[in-house]
Amino acid sequence: MSDAKDVVKVAAMILLGIFVLSVGVPLLLAAAGVALGFLFHLAVIVIKVAVLLAIGYLILVGVRAMLR
């Protein structure tokens, strides 16, 4: 009877492990995707700001050169 209880415990642990992997891994990957998506979006915003600053600087330098 003790061997049967051990087998049931091992089977329950294996099923619990499969459940955790089947639920936890997709959740972890989704969270990583959200984080990477946020970082990608943040990088795009920083690049846009840098381009706008560069264009503004070029316009300012051009106006200053024309006024001299």
PDB file of N, CA and C in Angstrom:
ATOM      1  N   MET A   1       0.827  -1.187   0.000  1.00  0.00           N
ATOM      2  CA  MET A   1       0.000   0.000   0.000  1.00  0.00           C
ATOM      3  C   MET A   1       0.869   1.247   0.000  1.00  0.00           C
ATOM      4  N   SER A   2       1.999   1.176   0.683  1.00  0.00           N
ATOM      5  CA  SER A   2       2.898   2.324   0.752  1.00  0.00           C
ATOM      6  C   SER A   2       3.483   2.643  -0.627  1.00  0.00           C
ATOM      7  N   ASP A   3       3.770   1.573  -1.395  1.00  0.00           N
ATOM      8  CA  ASP A   3       4.297   1.792  -2.747  1.00  0.00           C
ATOM      9  C   ASP A   3       3.270   2.479  -3.636  1.00  0.00           C
ATOM     10  N   ALA A   4       2.014   2.133  -3.465  1.00  0.00           N
ATOM     11  CA  ALA A   4       0.956   2.760  -4.264  1.00  0.00           C
ATOM     12  C   ALA A   4       0.849   4.241  -3.927  1.00  0.00           C
ATOM     13  N   LYS A   5       0.986   4.603  -2.653  1.00  0.00           N
ATOM     14  CA  LYS A   5       0.932   6.010  -2.258  1.00  0.00           C
ATOM     15  C   LYS A   5       2.110   6.775  -2.862  1.00  0.00           C
ATOM     16  N   ASP A   6       3.278   6.144  -2.868  1.00  0.00           N
ATOM     17  CA  ASP A   6       4.455   6.800  -3.450  1.00  0.00           C
ATOM     18  C   ASP A   6       4.270   7.023  -4.949  1.00  0.00           C
ATOM     19  N   VAL A   7       3.694   6.026  -5.622  1.00  0.00           N
ATOM     20  CA  VAL A   7       3.461   6.148  -7.058  1.00  0.00           C
ATOM     21  C   VAL A   7       2.465   7.264  -7.323  1.00  0.00           C
ATOM     22  N   VAL A   8       1.426   7.358  -6.514  1.00  0.00           N
ATOM     23  CA  VAL A   8       0.428   8.417  -6.678  1.00  0.00           C
ATOM     24  C   VAL A   8       1.070   9.787  -6.423  1.00  0.00           C
ATOM     25  N   LYS A   9       1.926   9.876  -5.414  1.00  0.00           N
ATOM     26  CA  LYS A   9       2.609  11.141  -5.123  1.00  0.00           C
ATOM     27  C   LYS A   9       3.499  11.562  -6.288  1.00  0.00           C
ATOM     28  N   VAL A  10       4.248  10.613  -6.833  1.00  0.00           N
ATOM     29  CA  VAL A  10       5.129  10.922  -7.956  1.00  0.00           C
ATOM     30  C   VAL A  10       4.317  11.336  -9.176  1.00  0.00           C
ATOM     31  N   ALA A  11       3.225  10.613  -9.437  1.00  0.00           N
ATOM     32  CA  ALA A  11       2.370  10.959 -10.570  1.00  0.00           C
ATOM     33  C   ALA A  11       1.755  12.343 -10.373  1.00  0.00           C
ATOM     34  N   ALA A  12       1.336  12.661  -9.143  1.00  0.00           N
ATOM     35  CA  ALA A  12       0.764  13.979  -8.860  1.00  0.00           C
ATOM     36  C   ALA A  12       1.818  15.079  -9.061  1.00  0.00           C
ATOM     37  N   MET A  13       3.049  14.808  -8.629  1.00  0.00           N
ATOM     38  CA  MET A  13       4.124  15.793  -8.819  1.00  0.00           C
ATOM     39  C   MET A  13       4.412  16.013 -10.304  1.00  0.00           C
ATOM     40  N   ILE A  14       4.417  14.943 -11.065  1.00  0.00           N
ATOM     41  CA  ILE A  14       4.664  15.065 -12.507  1.00  0.00           C
ATOM     42  C   ILE A  14       3.543  15.856 -13.170  1.00  0.00           C
ATOM     43  N   LEU A  15       2.284  15.561 -12.817  1.00  0.00           N
ATOM     44  CA  LEU A  15       1.156  16.305 -13.373  1.00  0.00           C
ATOM     45  C   LEU A  15       1.200  17.770 -12.967  1.00  0.00           C
ATOM     46  N   LEU A  16       1.572  18.042 -11.720  1.00  0.00           N
ATOM     47  CA  LEU A  16       1.693  19.423 -11.265  1.00  0.00           C
ATOM     48  C   LEU A  16       2.804  20.142 -12.022  1.00  0.00           C
ATOM     49  N   GLY A  17       3.905  19.458 -12.246  1.00  0.00           N
ATOM     50  CA  GLY A  17       4.996  20.051 -13.022  1.00  0.00           C
ATOM     51  C   GLY A  17       4.579  20.361 -14.449  1.00  0.00           C
ATOM     52  N   ILE A  18       3.857  19.445 -15.076  1.00  0.00           N
ATOM     53  CA  ILE A  18       3.367  19.677 -16.446  1.00  0.00           C
ATOM     54  C   ILE A  18       2.403  20.855 -16.469  1.00  0.00           C
ATOM     55  N   PHE A  19       1.522  20.939 -15.456  1.00  0.00           N
ATOM     56  CA  PHE A  19       0.574  22.058 -15.379  1.00  0.00           C
ATOM     57  C   PHE A  19       1.314  23.382 -15.218  1.00  0.00           C
ATOM     58  N   VAL A  20       2.294  23.410 -14.318  1.00  0.00           N
ATOM     59  CA  VAL A  20       3.055  24.645 -14.093  1.00  0.00           C
ATOM     60  C   VAL A  20       3.784  25.063 -15.368  1.00  0.00           C
ATOM     61  N   LEU A  21       4.371  24.112 -16.068  1.00  0.00           N
ATOM     62  CA  LEU A  21       5.063  24.439 -17.316  1.00  0.00           C
ATOM     63  C   LEU A  21       4.094  24.916 -18.388  1.00  0.00           C
ATOM     64  N   SER A  22       2.934  24.259 -18.482  1.00  0.00           N
ATOM     65  CA  SER A  22       1.989  24.629 -19.537  1.00  0.00           C
ATOM     66  C   SER A  22       1.334  25.975 -19.268  1.00  0.00           C
ATOM     67  N   VAL A  23       1.227  26.382 -18.014  1.00  0.00           N
ATOM     68  CA  VAL A  23       0.627  27.673 -17.681  1.00  0.00           C
ATOM     69  C   VAL A  23       1.701  28.729 -17.464  1.00  0.00           C
ATOM     70  N   GLY A  24       2.763  28.379 -16.773  1.00  0.00           N
ATOM     71  CA  GLY A  24       3.776  29.354 -16.400  1.00  0.00           C
ATOM     72  C   GLY A  24       4.633  29.829 -17.554  1.00  0.00           C
ATOM     73  N   VAL A  25       5.038  28.931 -18.430  1.00  0.00           N
ATOM     74  CA  VAL A  25       5.912  29.318 -19.538  1.00  0.00           C
ATOM     75  C   VAL A  25       5.228  30.298 -20.485  1.00  0.00           C
ATOM     76  N   PRO A  26       3.984  30.058 -20.916  1.00  0.00           N
ATOM     77  CA  PRO A  26       3.336  31.068 -21.768  1.00  0.00           C
ATOM     78  C   PRO A  26       3.157  32.415 -21.066  1.00  0.00           C
ATOM     79  N   LEU A  27       2.851  32.378 -19.762  1.00  0.00           N
ATOM     80  CA  LEU A  27       2.726  33.640 -19.027  1.00  0.00           C
ATOM     81  C   LEU A  27       4.056  34.364 -18.956  1.00  0.00           C
ATOM     82  N   LEU A  28       5.128  33.627 -18.735  1.00  0.00           N
ATOM     83  CA  LEU A  28       6.455  34.226 -18.683  1.00  0.00           C
ATOM     84  C   LEU A  28       6.848  34.805 -20.033  1.00  0.00           C
ATOM     85  N   LEU A  29       6.565  34.064 -21.089  1.00  0.00           N
ATOM     86  CA  LEU A  29       6.882  34.558 -22.434  1.00  0.00           C
ATOM     87  C   LEU A  29       6.031  35.771 -22.797  1.00  0.00           C
ATOM     88  N   ALA A  30       4.781  35.779 -22.372  1.00  0.00           N
ATOM     89  CA  ALA A  30       3.917  36.938 -22.631  1.00  0.00           C
ATOM     90  C   ALA A  30       4.432  38.159 -21.885  1.00  0.00           C
ATOM     91  N   ALA A  31       4.844  37.967 -20.642  1.00  0.00           N
ATOM     92  CA  ALA A  31       5.385  39.083 -19.869  1.00  0.00           C
ATOM     93  C   ALA A  31       6.668  39.604 -20.508  1.00  0.00           C
ATOM     94  N   ALA A  32       7.507  38.695 -20.990  1.00  0.00           N
ATOM     95  CA  ALA A  32       8.741  39.115 -21.660  1.00  0.00           C
ATOM     96  C   ALA A  32       8.416  39.852 -22.950  1.00  0.00           C
ATOM     97  N   GLY A  33       7.396  39.389 -23.659  1.00  0.00           N
ATOM     98  CA  GLY A  33       6.990  40.072 -24.894  1.00  0.00           C
ATOM     99  C   GLY A  33       6.477  41.466 -24.625  1.00  0.00           C
ATOM    100  N   VAL A  34       5.715  41.628 -23.565  1.00  0.00           N
ATOM    101  CA  VAL A  34       5.212  42.956 -23.194  1.00  0.00           C
ATOM    102  C   VAL A  34       6.374  43.861 -22.826  1.00  0.00           C
ATOM    103  N   ALA A  35       7.315  43.319 -22.054  1.00  0.00           N
ATOM    104  CA  ALA A  35       8.472  44.124 -21.658  1.00  0.00           C
ATOM    105  C   ALA A  35       9.303  44.514 -22.874  1.00  0.00           C
ATOM    106  N   LEU A  36       9.526  43.563 -23.782  1.00  0.00           N
ATOM    107  CA  LEU A  36      10.301  43.876 -24.977  1.00  0.00           C
ATOM    108  C   LEU A  36       9.555  44.843 -25.879  1.00  0.00           C
ATOM    109  N   GLY A  37       8.239  44.680 -25.956  1.00  0.00           N
ATOM    110  CA  GLY A  37       7.435  45.611 -26.746  1.00  0.00           C
ATOM    111  C   GLY A  37       7.511  47.012 -26.185  1.00  0.00           C
ATOM    112  N   PHE A  38       7.475  47.116 -24.856  1.00  0.00           N
ATOM    113  CA  PHE A  38       7.575  48.426 -24.209  1.00  0.00           C
ATOM    114  C   PHE A  38       8.949  49.048 -24.468  1.00  0.00           C
ATOM    115  N   LEU A  39      10.003  48.241 -24.350  1.00  0.00           N
ATOM    116  CA  LEU A  39      11.357  48.756 -24.589  1.00  0.00           C
ATOM    117  C   LEU A  39      11.526  49.179 -26.045  1.00  0.00           C
ATOM    118  N   PHE A  40      10.955  48.401 -26.967  1.00  0.00           N
ATOM    119  CA  PHE A  40      11.029  48.756 -28.377  1.00  0.00           C
ATOM    120  C   PHE A  40      10.297  50.062 -28.628  1.00  0.00           C
ATOM    121  N   HIS A  41       9.121  50.211 -28.035  1.00  0.00           N
ATOM    122  CA  HIS A  41       8.342  51.440 -28.193  1.00  0.00           C
ATOM    123  C   HIS A  41       9.100  52.638 -27.609  1.00  0.00           C
ATOM    124  N   LEU A  42       9.712  52.429 -26.458  1.00  0.00           N
ATOM    125  CA  LEU A  42      10.504  53.493 -25.829  1.00  0.00           C
ATOM    126  C   LEU A  42      11.697  53.877 -26.707  1.00  0.00           C
ATOM    127  N   ALA A  43      12.344  52.901 -27.322  1.00  0.00           N
ATOM    128  CA  ALA A  43      13.477  53.182 -28.201  1.00  0.00           C
ATOM    129  C   ALA A  43      13.030  53.980 -29.420  1.00  0.00           C
ATOM    130  N   VAL A  44      11.878  53.654 -29.969  1.00  0.00           N
ATOM    131  CA  VAL A  44      11.355  54.393 -31.125  1.00  0.00           C
ATOM    132  C   VAL A  44      11.084  55.846 -30.735  1.00  0.00           C
ATOM    133  N   ILE A  45      10.507  56.058 -29.562  1.00  0.00           N
ATOM    134  CA  ILE A  45      10.230  57.426 -29.103  1.00  0.00           C
ATOM    135  C   ILE A  45      11.533  58.207 -28.933  1.00  0.00           C
ATOM    136  N   VAL A  46      12.547  57.582 -28.349  1.00  0.00           N
ATOM    137  CA  VAL A  46      13.836  58.260 -28.154  1.00  0.00           C
ATOM    138  C   VAL A  46      14.463  58.619 -29.506  1.00  0.00           C
ATOM    139  N   ILE A  47      14.365  57.728 -30.478  1.00  0.00           N
ATOM    140  CA  ILE A  47      14.910  58.010 -31.811  1.00  0.00           C
ATOM    141  C   ILE A  47      14.156  59.165 -32.454  1.00  0.00           C
ATOM    142  N   LYS A  48      12.836  59.194 -32.311  1.00  0.00           N
ATOM    143  CA  LYS A  48      12.051  60.293 -32.882  1.00  0.00           C
ATOM    144  C   LYS A  48      12.434  61.623 -32.255  1.00  0.00           C
ATOM    145  N   VAL A  49      12.608  61.650 -30.945  1.00  0.00           N
ATOM    146  CA  VAL A  49      13.022  62.887 -30.265  1.00  0.00           C
ATOM    147  C   VAL A  49      14.397  63.316 -30.749  1.00  0.00           C
ATOM    148  N   ALA A  50      15.312  62.368 -30.906  1.00  0.00           N
ATOM    149  CA  ALA A  50      16.657  62.707 -31.373  1.00  0.00           C
ATOM    150  C   ALA A  50      16.618  63.281 -32.788  1.00  0.00           C
ATOM    151  N   VAL A  51      15.785  62.716 -33.654  1.00  0.00           N
ATOM    152  CA  VAL A  51      15.670  63.233 -35.022  1.00  0.00           C
ATOM    153  C   VAL A  51      15.089  64.643 -35.002  1.00  0.00           C
ATOM    154  N   LEU A  52      14.072  64.870 -34.185  1.00  0.00           N
ATOM    155  CA  LEU A  52      13.481  66.203 -34.090  1.00  0.00           C
ATOM    156  C   LEU A  52      14.494  67.231 -33.566  1.00  0.00           C
ATOM    157  N   LEU A  53      15.281  66.846 -32.577  1.00  0.00           N
ATOM    158  CA  LEU A  53      16.318  67.754 -32.061  1.00  0.00           C
ATOM    159  C   LEU A  53      17.371  68.049 -33.123  1.00  0.00           C
ATOM    160  N   ALA A  54      17.750  67.037 -33.896  1.00  0.00           N
ATOM    161  CA  ALA A  54      18.749  67.243 -34.944  1.00  0.00           C
ATOM    162  C   ALA A  54      18.208  68.170 -36.027  1.00  0.00           C
ATOM    163  N   ILE A  55      16.961  67.990 -36.428  1.00  0.00           N
ATOM    164  CA  ILE A  55      16.363  68.865 -37.445  1.00  0.00           C
ATOM    165  C   ILE A  55      16.263  70.286 -36.914  1.00  0.00           C
ATOM    166  N   GLY A  56      15.839  70.426 -35.660  1.00  0.00           N
ATOM    167  CA  GLY A  56      15.766  71.758 -35.055  1.00  0.00           C
ATOM    168  C   GLY A  56      17.126  72.434 -35.004  1.00  0.00           C
ATOM    169  N   TYR A  57      18.153  71.677 -34.659  1.00  0.00           N
ATOM    170  CA  TYR A  57      19.499  72.238 -34.601  1.00  0.00           C
ATOM    171  C   TYR A  57      19.967  72.669 -35.989  1.00  0.00           C
ATOM    172  N   LEU A  58      19.700  71.853 -36.997  1.00  0.00           N
ATOM    173  CA  LEU A  58      20.099  72.213 -38.363  1.00  0.00           C
ATOM    174  C   LEU A  58      19.375  73.472 -38.837  1.00  0.00           C
ATOM    175  N   ILE A  59      18.100  73.591 -38.509  1.00  0.00           N
ATOM    176  CA  ILE A  59      17.359  74.805 -38.879  1.00  0.00           C
ATOM    177  C   ILE A  59      17.946  76.028 -38.169  1.00  0.00           C
ATOM    178  N   LEU A  60      18.235  75.881 -36.882  1.00  0.00           N
ATOM    179  CA  LEU A  60      18.829  76.990 -36.117  1.00  0.00           C
ATOM    180  C   LEU A  60      20.173  77.395 -36.682  1.00  0.00           C
ATOM    181  N   VAL A  61      21.006  76.443 -37.013  1.00  0.00           N
ATOM    182  CA  VAL A  61      22.332  76.749 -37.576  1.00  0.00           C
ATOM    183  C   VAL A  61      22.169  77.404 -38.955  1.00  0.00           C
ATOM    184  N   GLY A  62      21.220  76.914 -39.745  1.00  0.00           N
ATOM    185  CA  GLY A  62      20.981  77.513 -41.062  1.00  0.00           C
ATOM    186  C   GLY A  62      20.511  78.956 -40.959  1.00  0.00           C
ATOM    187  N   VAL A  63      19.592  79.230 -40.051  1.00  0.00           N
ATOM    188  CA  VAL A  63      19.106  80.606 -39.858  1.00  0.00           C
ATOM    189  C   VAL A  63      20.229  81.498 -39.372  1.00  0.00           C
ATOM    190  N   ARG A  64      21.043  80.976 -38.461  1.00  0.00           N
ATOM    191  CA  ARG A  64      22.166  81.765 -37.924  1.00  0.00           C
ATOM    192  C   ARG A  64      23.180  82.068 -39.016  1.00  0.00           C
ATOM    193  N   ALA A  65      23.415  81.103 -39.893  1.00  0.00           N
ATOM    194  CA  ALA A  65      24.370  81.320 -40.994  1.00  0.00           C
ATOM    195  C   ALA A  65      23.831  82.333 -41.989  1.00  0.00           C
ATOM    196  N   MET A  66      22.521  82.332 -42.209  1.00  0.00           N
ATOM    197  CA  MET A  66      21.928  83.284 -43.152  1.00  0.00           C
ATOM    198  C   MET A  66      21.942  84.704 -42.589  1.00  0.00           C
ATOM    199  N   LEU A  67      21.864  84.839 -41.273  1.00  0.00           N
ATOM    200  CA  LEU A  67      21.839  86.170 -40.658  1.00  0.00           C
ATOM    201  C   LEU A  67      23.225  86.808 -40.605  1.00  0.00           C
ATOM    202  N   ARG A  68      24.276  86.054 -40.748  1.00  0.00           N
ATOM    203  CA  ARG A  68      25.631  86.615 -40.684  1.00  0.00           C
ATOM    204  C   ARG A  68      26.015  87.258 -41.972  1.00  0.00           C
TER     205      ARG A  68
END
